[in-house]
PDB file of N, CA and C in Angstrom:
ATOM      1  N   MET A   1     211.957  89.517  79.323  1.00  0.00           N
ATOM      2  CA  MET A   1     210.751  89.737  78.557  1.00  0.00           C
ATOM      3  C   MET A   1     210.275  91.178  78.650  1.00  0.00           C
ATOM      4  N   MET A   2     210.965  91.993  79.358  1.00  0.00           N
ATOM      5  CA  MET A   2     210.570  93.377  79.526  1.00  0.00           C
ATOM      6  C   MET A   2     210.389  94.017  78.160  1.00  0.00           C
ATOM      7  N   GLY A   3     209.273  94.697  77.952  1.00  0.00           N
ATOM      8  CA  GLY A   3     209.037  95.369  76.697  1.00  0.00           C
ATOM      9  C   GLY A   3     208.135  94.585  75.755  1.00  0.00           C
ATOM     10  N   ARG A   4     208.113  93.255  75.840  1.00  0.00           N
ATOM     11  CA  ARG A   4     207.189  92.457  75.024  1.00  0.00           C
ATOM     12  C   ARG A   4     205.778  92.734  75.464  1.00  0.00           C
ATOM     13  N   LYS A   5     204.824  92.326  74.665  1.00  0.00           N
ATOM     14  CA  LYS A   5     203.438  92.601  75.007  1.00  0.00           C
ATOM     15  C   LYS A   5     202.581  91.335  75.038  1.00  0.00           C
ATOM     16  N   PRO A   6     202.941  90.362  75.872  1.00  0.00           N
ATOM     17  CA  PRO A   6     202.052  89.209  76.019  1.00  0.00           C
ATOM     18  C   PRO A   6     200.694  89.683  76.517  1.00  0.00           C
ATOM     19  N   GLY A   7     199.645  89.136  75.979  1.00  0.00           N
ATOM     20  CA  GLY A   7     198.306  89.549  76.390  1.00  0.00           C
ATOM     21  C   GLY A   7     197.911  90.914  75.849  1.00  0.00           C
ATOM     22  N   GLY A   8     198.765  91.504  74.981  1.00  0.00           N
ATOM     23  CA  GLY A   8     198.458  92.803  74.405  1.00  0.00           C
ATOM     24  C   GLY A   8     198.780  93.979  75.309  1.00  0.00           C
ATOM     25  N   ILE A   9     199.541  93.749  76.361  1.00  0.00           N
ATOM     26  CA  ILE A   9     199.873  94.815  77.304  1.00  0.00           C
ATOM     27  C   ILE A   9     201.352  94.667  77.693  1.00  0.00           C
ATOM     28  N   SER A  10     202.047  95.792  77.841  1.00  0.00           N
ATOM     29  CA  SER A  10     203.484  95.749  78.137  1.00  0.00           C
ATOM     30  C   SER A  10     203.744  95.436  79.608  1.00  0.00           C
ATOM     31  N   CYS A  11     204.960  95.002  79.873  1.00  0.00           N
ATOM     32  CA  CYS A  11     205.381  94.723  81.248  1.00  0.00           C
ATOM     33  C   CYS A  11     205.248  95.982  82.106  1.00  0.00           C
ATOM     34  N   ARG A  12     205.634  97.113  81.563  1.00  0.00           N
ATOM     35  CA  ARG A  12     205.552  98.374  82.307  1.00  0.00           C
ATOM     36  C   ARG A  12     204.111  98.694  82.702  1.00  0.00           C
ATOM     37  N   LYS A  13     203.172  98.527  81.771  1.00  0.00           N
ATOM     38  CA  LYS A  13     201.765  98.808  82.087  1.00  0.00           C
ATOM     39  C   LYS A  13     201.213  97.813  83.101  1.00  0.00           C
ATOM     40  N   VAL A  14     201.639  96.554  82.994  1.00  0.00           N
ATOM     41  CA  VAL A  14     201.210  95.560  83.983  1.00  0.00           C
ATOM     42  C   VAL A  14     201.699  95.973  85.368  1.00  0.00           C
ATOM     43  N   GLY A  15     202.953  96.409  85.455  1.00  0.00           N
ATOM     44  CA  GLY A  15     203.504  96.848  86.735  1.00  0.00           C
ATOM     45  C   GLY A  15     202.706  97.982  87.344  1.00  0.00           C
ATOM     46  N   LYS A  16     202.217  98.882  86.497  1.00  0.00           N
ATOM     47  CA  LYS A  16     201.461 100.032  86.999  1.00  0.00           C
ATOM     48  C   LYS A  16     200.080  99.657  87.527  1.00  0.00           C
ATOM     49  N   VAL A  17     199.507  98.571  87.026  1.00  0.00           N
ATOM     50  CA  VAL A  17     198.154  98.192  87.459  1.00  0.00           C
ATOM     51  C   VAL A  17     198.127  96.902  88.283  1.00  0.00           C
ATOM     52  N   LEU A  18     199.296  96.375  88.618  1.00  0.00           N
ATOM     53  CA  LEU A  18     199.343  95.087  89.306  1.00  0.00           C
ATOM     54  C   LEU A  18     198.617  95.109  90.652  1.00  0.00           C
ATOM     55  N   GLN A  19     198.830  96.133  91.446  1.00  0.00           N
ATOM     56  CA  GLN A  19     198.131  96.245  92.738  1.00  0.00           C
ATOM     57  C   GLN A  19     196.615  96.237  92.519  1.00  0.00           C
ATOM     58  N   THR A  20     196.167  97.033  91.561  1.00  0.00           N
ATOM     59  CA  THR A  20     194.734  97.122  91.266  1.00  0.00           C
ATOM     60  C   THR A  20     194.207  95.780  90.782  1.00  0.00           C
ATOM     61  N   HIS A  21     194.990  95.087  89.962  1.00  0.00           N
ATOM     62  CA  HIS A  21     194.604  93.756  89.482  1.00  0.00           C
ATOM     63  C   HIS A  21     194.452  92.784  90.649  1.00  0.00           C
ATOM     64  N   LEU A  22     195.439  92.775  91.541  1.00  0.00           N
ATOM     65  CA  LEU A  22     195.386  91.867  92.690  1.00  0.00           C
ATOM     66  C   LEU A  22     194.238  92.208  93.635  1.00  0.00           C
ATOM     67  N   ASP A  23     193.834  93.468  93.640  1.00  0.00           N
ATOM     68  CA  ASP A  23     192.691  93.889  94.456  1.00  0.00           C
ATOM     69  C   ASP A  23     191.359  93.563  93.782  1.00  0.00           C
ATOM     70  N   GLY A  24     191.401  93.090  92.529  1.00  0.00           N
ATOM     71  CA  GLY A  24     190.182  92.754  91.790  1.00  0.00           C
ATOM     72  C   GLY A  24     189.410  93.975  91.334  1.00  0.00           C
ATOM     73  N   GLU A  25     190.118  95.079  91.098  1.00  0.00           N
ATOM     74  CA  GLU A  25     189.450  96.337  90.785  1.00  0.00           C
ATOM     75  C   GLU A  25     189.585  96.776  89.328  1.00  0.00           C
ATOM     76  N   LEU A  26     190.100  95.919  88.456  1.00  0.00           N
ATOM     77  CA  LEU A  26     190.197  96.273  87.036  1.00  0.00           C
ATOM     78  C   LEU A  26     188.906  95.913  86.318  1.00  0.00           C
ATOM     79  N   ASP A  27     188.606  96.646  85.241  1.00  0.00           N
ATOM     80  CA  ASP A  27     187.456  96.276  84.422  1.00  0.00           C
ATOM     81  C   ASP A  27     187.775  94.944  83.731  1.00  0.00           C
ATOM     82  N   ASP A  28     186.747  94.285  83.208  1.00  0.00           N
ATOM     83  CA  ASP A  28     186.910  92.941  82.647  1.00  0.00           C
ATOM     84  C   ASP A  28     187.942  92.876  81.533  1.00  0.00           C
ATOM     85  N   THR A  29     187.948  93.858  80.651  1.00  0.00           N
ATOM     86  CA  THR A  29     188.883  93.837  79.525  1.00  0.00           C
ATOM     87  C   THR A  29     190.321  93.907  80.011  1.00  0.00           C
ATOM     88  N   ARG A  30     190.623  94.869  80.871  1.00  0.00           N
ATOM     89  CA  ARG A  30     191.993  94.992  81.378  1.00  0.00           C
ATOM     90  C   ARG A  30     192.363  93.821  82.274  1.00  0.00           C
ATOM     91  N   ARG A  31     191.414  93.307  83.042  1.00  0.00           N
ATOM     92  CA  ARG A  31     191.691  92.146  83.886  1.00  0.00           C
ATOM     93  C   ARG A  31     192.129  90.967  83.034  1.00  0.00           C
ATOM     94  N   ARG A  32     191.419  90.723  81.920  1.00  0.00           N
ATOM     95  CA  ARG A  32     191.776  89.613  81.025  1.00  0.00           C
ATOM     96  C   ARG A  32     193.151  89.839  80.392  1.00  0.00           C
ATOM     97  N   MET A  33     193.435  91.076  79.983  1.00  0.00           N
ATOM     98  CA  MET A  33     194.731  91.380  79.367  1.00  0.00           C
ATOM     99  C   MET A  33     195.869  91.153  80.361  1.00  0.00           C
ATOM    100  N   VAL A  34     195.692  91.646  81.583  1.00  0.00           N
ATOM    101  CA  VAL A  34     196.733  91.488  82.600  1.00  0.00           C
ATOM    102  C   VAL A  34     196.894  90.012  82.946  1.00  0.00           C
ATOM    103  N   ALA A  35     195.798  89.304  83.112  1.00  0.00           N
ATOM    104  CA  ALA A  35     195.869  87.876  83.443  1.00  0.00           C
ATOM    105  C   ALA A  35     196.598  87.105  82.341  1.00  0.00           C
ATOM    106  N   ALA A  36     196.305  87.412  81.082  1.00  0.00           N
ATOM    107  CA  ALA A  36     196.980  86.742  79.967  1.00  0.00           C
ATOM    108  C   ALA A  36     198.468  87.077  79.978  1.00  0.00           C
ATOM    109  N   HIS A  37     198.797  88.325  80.251  1.00  0.00           N
ATOM    110  CA  HIS A  37     200.202  88.729  80.314  1.00  0.00           C
ATOM    111  C   HIS A  37     200.917  87.967  81.431  1.00  0.00           C
ATOM    112  N   LEU A  38     200.293  87.895  82.594  1.00  0.00           N
ATOM    113  CA  LEU A  38     200.925  87.217  83.735  1.00  0.00           C
ATOM    114  C   LEU A  38     201.148  85.733  83.459  1.00  0.00           C
ATOM    115  N   GLU A  39     200.257  85.126  82.683  1.00  0.00           N
ATOM    116  CA  GLU A  39     200.426  83.711  82.338  1.00  0.00           C
ATOM    117  C   GLU A  39     201.567  83.504  81.352  1.00  0.00           C
ATOM    118  N   GLU A  40     201.770  84.455  80.430  1.00  0.00           N
ATOM    119  CA  GLU A  40     202.784  84.309  79.387  1.00  0.00           C
ATOM    120  C   GLU A  40     204.161  84.830  79.799  1.00  0.00           C
ATOM    121  N   CYS A  41     204.196  85.865  80.618  1.00  0.00           N
ATOM    122  CA  CYS A  41     205.461  86.515  80.964  1.00  0.00           C
ATOM    123  C   CYS A  41     205.958  85.984  82.310  1.00  0.00           C
ATOM    124  N   GLU A  42     207.010  85.212  82.267  1.00  0.00           N
ATOM    125  CA  GLU A  42     207.518  84.577  83.482  1.00  0.00           C
ATOM    126  C   GLU A  42     207.905  85.605  84.550  1.00  0.00           C
ATOM    127  N   ARG A  43     208.574  86.664  84.142  1.00  0.00           N
ATOM    128  CA  ARG A  43     209.042  87.675  85.100  1.00  0.00           C
ATOM    129  C   ARG A  43     207.862  88.363  85.795  1.00  0.00           C
ATOM    130  N   CYS A  44     206.901  88.830  85.012  1.00  0.00           N
ATOM    131  CA  CYS A  44     205.750  89.510  85.602  1.00  0.00           C
ATOM    132  C   CYS A  44     204.901  88.553  86.436  1.00  0.00           C
ATOM    133  N   GLY A  45     204.763  87.318  85.962  1.00  0.00           N
ATOM    134  CA  GLY A  45     204.017  86.325  86.720  1.00  0.00           C
ATOM    135  C   GLY A  45     204.656  86.048  88.065  1.00  0.00           C
ATOM    136  N   LEU A  46     205.981  85.956  88.080  1.00  0.00           N
ATOM    137  CA  LEU A  46     206.702  85.736  89.333  1.00  0.00           C
ATOM    138  C   LEU A  46     206.530  86.940  90.264  1.00  0.00           C
ATOM    139  N   GLU A  47     206.634  88.148  89.707  1.00  0.00           N
ATOM    140  CA  GLU A  47     206.449  89.349  90.527  1.00  0.00           C
ATOM    141  C   GLU A  47     205.045  89.376  91.131  1.00  0.00           C
ATOM    142  N   ALA A  48     204.047  89.000  90.341  1.00  0.00           N
ATOM    143  CA  ALA A  48     202.674  88.972  90.849  1.00  0.00           C
ATOM    144  C   ALA A  48     202.535  87.949  91.969  1.00  0.00           C
ATOM    145  N   ASP A  49     203.153  86.785  91.800  1.00  0.00           N
ATOM    146  CA  ASP A  49     203.093  85.756  92.839  1.00  0.00           C
ATOM    147  C   ASP A  49     203.757  86.225  94.125  1.00  0.00           C
ATOM    148  N   VAL A  50     204.934  86.838  93.986  1.00  0.00           N
ATOM    149  CA  VAL A  50     205.653  87.339  95.170  1.00  0.00           C
ATOM    150  C   VAL A  50     204.849  88.435  95.847  1.00  0.00           C
ATOM    151  N   LEU A  51     204.330  89.365  95.065  1.00  0.00           N
ATOM    152  CA  LEU A  51     203.545  90.457  95.630  1.00  0.00           C
ATOM    153  C   LEU A  51     202.294  89.931  96.330  1.00  0.00           C
ATOM    154  N   ALA A  52     201.622  88.978  95.726  1.00  0.00           N
ATOM    155  CA  ALA A  52     200.437  88.387  96.352  1.00  0.00           C
ATOM    156  C   ALA A  52     200.811  87.698  97.660  1.00  0.00           C
ATOM    157  N   GLY A  53     201.953  87.014  97.676  1.00  0.00           N
ATOM    158  CA  GLY A  53     202.416  86.358  98.900  1.00  0.00           C
ATOM    159  C   GLY A  53     202.753  87.355  99.999  1.00  0.00           C
ATOM    160  N   VAL A  54     203.419  88.435  99.634  1.00  0.00           N
ATOM    161  CA  VAL A  54     203.752  89.481 100.606  1.00  0.00           C
ATOM    162  C   VAL A  54     202.474  90.089 101.172  1.00  0.00           C
ATOM    163  N   ARG A  55     201.536  90.386 100.296  1.00  0.00           N
ATOM    164  CA  ARG A  55     200.275  90.976 100.748  1.00  0.00           C
ATOM    165  C   ARG A  55     199.521  90.034 101.692  1.00  0.00           C
ATOM    166  N   ALA A  56     199.492  88.740 101.350  1.00  0.00           N
ATOM    167  CA  ALA A  56     198.806  87.758 102.195  1.00  0.00           C
ATOM    168  C   ALA A  56     199.493  87.649 103.557  1.00  0.00           C
ATOM    169  N   ALA A  57     200.829  87.666 103.550  1.00  0.00           N
ATOM    170  CA  ALA A  57     201.568  87.588 104.822  1.00  0.00           C
ATOM    171  C   ALA A  57     201.297  88.815 105.679  1.00  0.00           C
ATOM    172  N   LEU A  58     201.263  89.977 105.053  1.00  0.00           N
ATOM    173  CA  LEU A  58     200.976  91.205 105.804  1.00  0.00           C
ATOM    174  C   LEU A  58     199.575  91.167 106.406  1.00  0.00           C
ATOM    175  N   ARG A  59     198.618  90.700 105.615  1.00  0.00           N
ATOM    176  CA  ARG A  59     197.232  90.638 106.120  1.00  0.00           C
ATOM    177  C   ARG A  59     197.096  89.648 107.271  1.00  0.00           C
ATOM    178  N   SER A  60     197.734  88.494 107.138  1.00  0.00           N
ATOM    179  CA  SER A  60     197.563  87.456 108.157  1.00  0.00           C
ATOM    180  C   SER A  60     198.299  87.776 109.459  1.00  0.00           C
ATOM    181  N   ARG A  61     199.335  88.606 109.384  1.00  0.00           N
ATOM    182  CA  ARG A  61     200.141  88.904 110.576  1.00  0.00           C
ATOM    183  C   ARG A  61     200.050  90.375 110.971  1.00  0.00           C
ATOM    184  N   ARG A  62     199.088  91.065 110.440  1.00  0.00           N
ATOM    185  CA  ARG A  62     198.960  92.516 110.639  1.00  0.00           C
ATOM    186  C   ARG A  62     199.128  92.939 112.091  1.00  0.00           C
ATOM    187  N   ASP A  63     198.519  92.231 113.007  1.00  0.00           N
ATOM    188  CA  ASP A  63     198.563  92.624 114.417  1.00  0.00           C
ATOM    189  C   ASP A  63     199.842  92.178 115.127  1.00  0.00           C
ATOM    190  N   HIS A  64     200.620  91.300 114.513  1.00  0.00           N
ATOM    191  CA  HIS A  64     201.790  90.733 115.185  1.00  0.00           C
ATOM    192  C   HIS A  64     203.118  91.072 114.499  1.00  0.00           C
ATOM    193  N   LEU A  65     203.067  91.812 113.436  1.00  0.00           N
ATOM    194  CA  LEU A  65     204.265  92.113 112.656  1.00  0.00           C
ATOM    195  C   LEU A  65     204.950  93.367 113.194  1.00  0.00           C
ATOM    196  N   PRO A  66     206.255  93.287 113.473  1.00  0.00           N
ATOM    197  CA  PRO A  66     206.967  94.487 113.907  1.00  0.00           C
ATOM    198  C   PRO A  66     206.867  95.587 112.848  1.00  0.00           C
ATOM    199  N   VAL A  67     206.778  96.815 113.281  1.00  0.00           N
ATOM    200  CA  VAL A  67     206.617  97.947 112.375  1.00  0.00           C
ATOM    201  C   VAL A  67     207.725  97.981 111.324  1.00  0.00           C
ATOM    202  N   ALA A  68     208.973  97.754 111.725  1.00  0.00           N
ATOM    203  CA  ALA A  68     210.093  97.791 110.786  1.00  0.00           C
ATOM    204  C   ALA A  68     209.966  96.703 109.718  1.00  0.00           C
ATOM    205  N   THR A  69     209.507  95.535 110.112  1.00  0.00           N
ATOM    206  CA  THR A  69     209.340  94.437 109.158  1.00  0.00           C
ATOM    207  C   THR A  69     208.234  94.765 108.165  1.00  0.00           C
ATOM    208  N   ALA A  70     207.129  95.266 108.659  1.00  0.00           N
ATOM    209  CA  ALA A  70     206.021  95.646 107.782  1.00  0.00           C
ATOM    210  C   ALA A  70     206.469  96.719 106.791  1.00  0.00           C
ATOM    211  N   ALA A  71     207.234  97.696 107.267  1.00  0.00           N
ATOM    212  CA  ALA A  71     207.717  98.764 106.391  1.00  0.00           C
ATOM    213  C   ALA A  71     208.650  98.208 105.321  1.00  0.00           C
ATOM    214  N   ALA A  72     209.526  97.284 105.691  1.00  0.00           N
ATOM    215  CA  ALA A  72     210.456  96.682 104.728  1.00  0.00           C
ATOM    216  C   ALA A  72     209.704  95.874 103.675  1.00  0.00           C
ATOM    217  N   LEU A  73     208.677  95.141 104.081  1.00  0.00           N
ATOM    218  CA  LEU A  73     207.881  94.362 103.134  1.00  0.00           C
ATOM    219  C   LEU A  73     207.104  95.267 102.188  1.00  0.00           C
ATOM    220  N   ARG A  74     206.571  96.368 102.709  1.00  0.00           N
ATOM    221  CA  ARG A  74     205.856  97.319 101.848  1.00  0.00           C
ATOM    222  C   ARG A  74     206.815  97.943 100.829  1.00  0.00           C
ATOM    223  N   GLU A  75     208.005  98.291 101.278  1.00  0.00           N
ATOM    224  CA  GLU A  75     208.998  98.877 100.374  1.00  0.00           C
ATOM    225  C   GLU A  75     209.380  97.873  99.281  1.00  0.00           C
ATOM    226  N   PHE A  76     209.573  96.615  99.674  1.00  0.00           N
ATOM    227  CA  PHE A  76     209.891  95.558  98.724  1.00  0.00           C
ATOM    228  C   PHE A  76     208.785  95.428  97.683  1.00  0.00           C
ATOM    229  N   SER A  77     207.530  95.377  98.122  1.00  0.00           N
ATOM    230  CA  SER A  77     206.432  95.216  97.177  1.00  0.00           C
ATOM    231  C   SER A  77     206.279  96.446  96.296  1.00  0.00           C
ATOM    232  N   ASP A  78     206.533  97.633  96.826  1.00  0.00           N
ATOM    233  CA  ASP A  78     206.471  98.848  96.012  1.00  0.00           C
ATOM    234  C   ASP A  78     207.526  98.818  94.905  1.00  0.00           C
ATOM    235  N   ARG A  79     208.731  98.337  95.230  1.00  0.00           N
ATOM    236  CA  ARG A  79     209.787  98.243  94.221  1.00  0.00           C
ATOM    237  C   ARG A  79     209.403  97.262  93.127  1.00  0.00           C
ATOM    238  N   LEU A  80     208.785  96.146  93.510  1.00  0.00           N
ATOM    239  CA  LEU A  80     208.337  95.181  92.500  1.00  0.00           C
ATOM    240  C   LEU A  80     207.324  95.819  91.563  1.00  0.00           C
ATOM    241  N   VAL A  81     206.358  96.505  92.137  1.00  0.00           N
ATOM    242  CA  VAL A  81     205.302  97.119  91.344  1.00  0.00           C
ATOM    243  C   VAL A  81     205.865  98.199  90.420  1.00  0.00           C
ATOM    244  N   ASN A  82     206.864  98.927  90.869  1.00  0.00           N
ATOM    245  CA  ASN A  82     207.444 100.006  90.069  1.00  0.00           C
ATOM    246  C   ASN A  82     208.504  99.516  89.091  1.00  0.00           C
ATOM    247  N   GLY A  83     208.722  98.215  89.035  1.00  0.00           N
ATOM    248  CA  GLY A  83     209.682  97.666  88.090  1.00  0.00           C
ATOM    249  C   GLY A  83     211.129  97.837  88.479  1.00  0.00           C
ATOM    250  N   GLU A  84     211.366  98.170  89.748  1.00  0.00           N
ATOM    251  CA  GLU A  84     212.735  98.339  90.236  1.00  0.00           C
ATOM    252  C   GLU A  84     213.260  96.998  90.721  1.00  0.00           C
ATOM    253  N   GLU A  85     214.558  96.902  90.873  1.00  0.00           N
ATOM    254  CA  GLU A  85     215.146  95.681  91.426  1.00  0.00           C
ATOM    255  C   GLU A  85     214.775  95.586  92.908  1.00  0.00           C
ATOM    256  N   PRO A  86     214.291  94.422  93.352  1.00  0.00           N
ATOM    257  CA  PRO A  86     213.890  94.282  94.769  1.00  0.00           C
ATOM    258  C   PRO A  86     215.039  94.327  95.734  1.00  0.00           C
TER     259      PRO A  86
END
């Protein structure tokens, strides 16, 4: 689905604002567009779910996670956000 514009926004633009969206920092218009895109686009929706899961795991284990593991998870989530293969 890369390149389509579900919700009126492209996959590439969603990838660029996904972190901000998950942080709840988008304005209402862009939040609605991204949310609609994530519901319609299976690939982007899956990436958002994985990224949210990684972020939740990092937050819950912050004090107990080995540095190398935390770095690998951050790198993985950065690749997802940048549209690269994980």
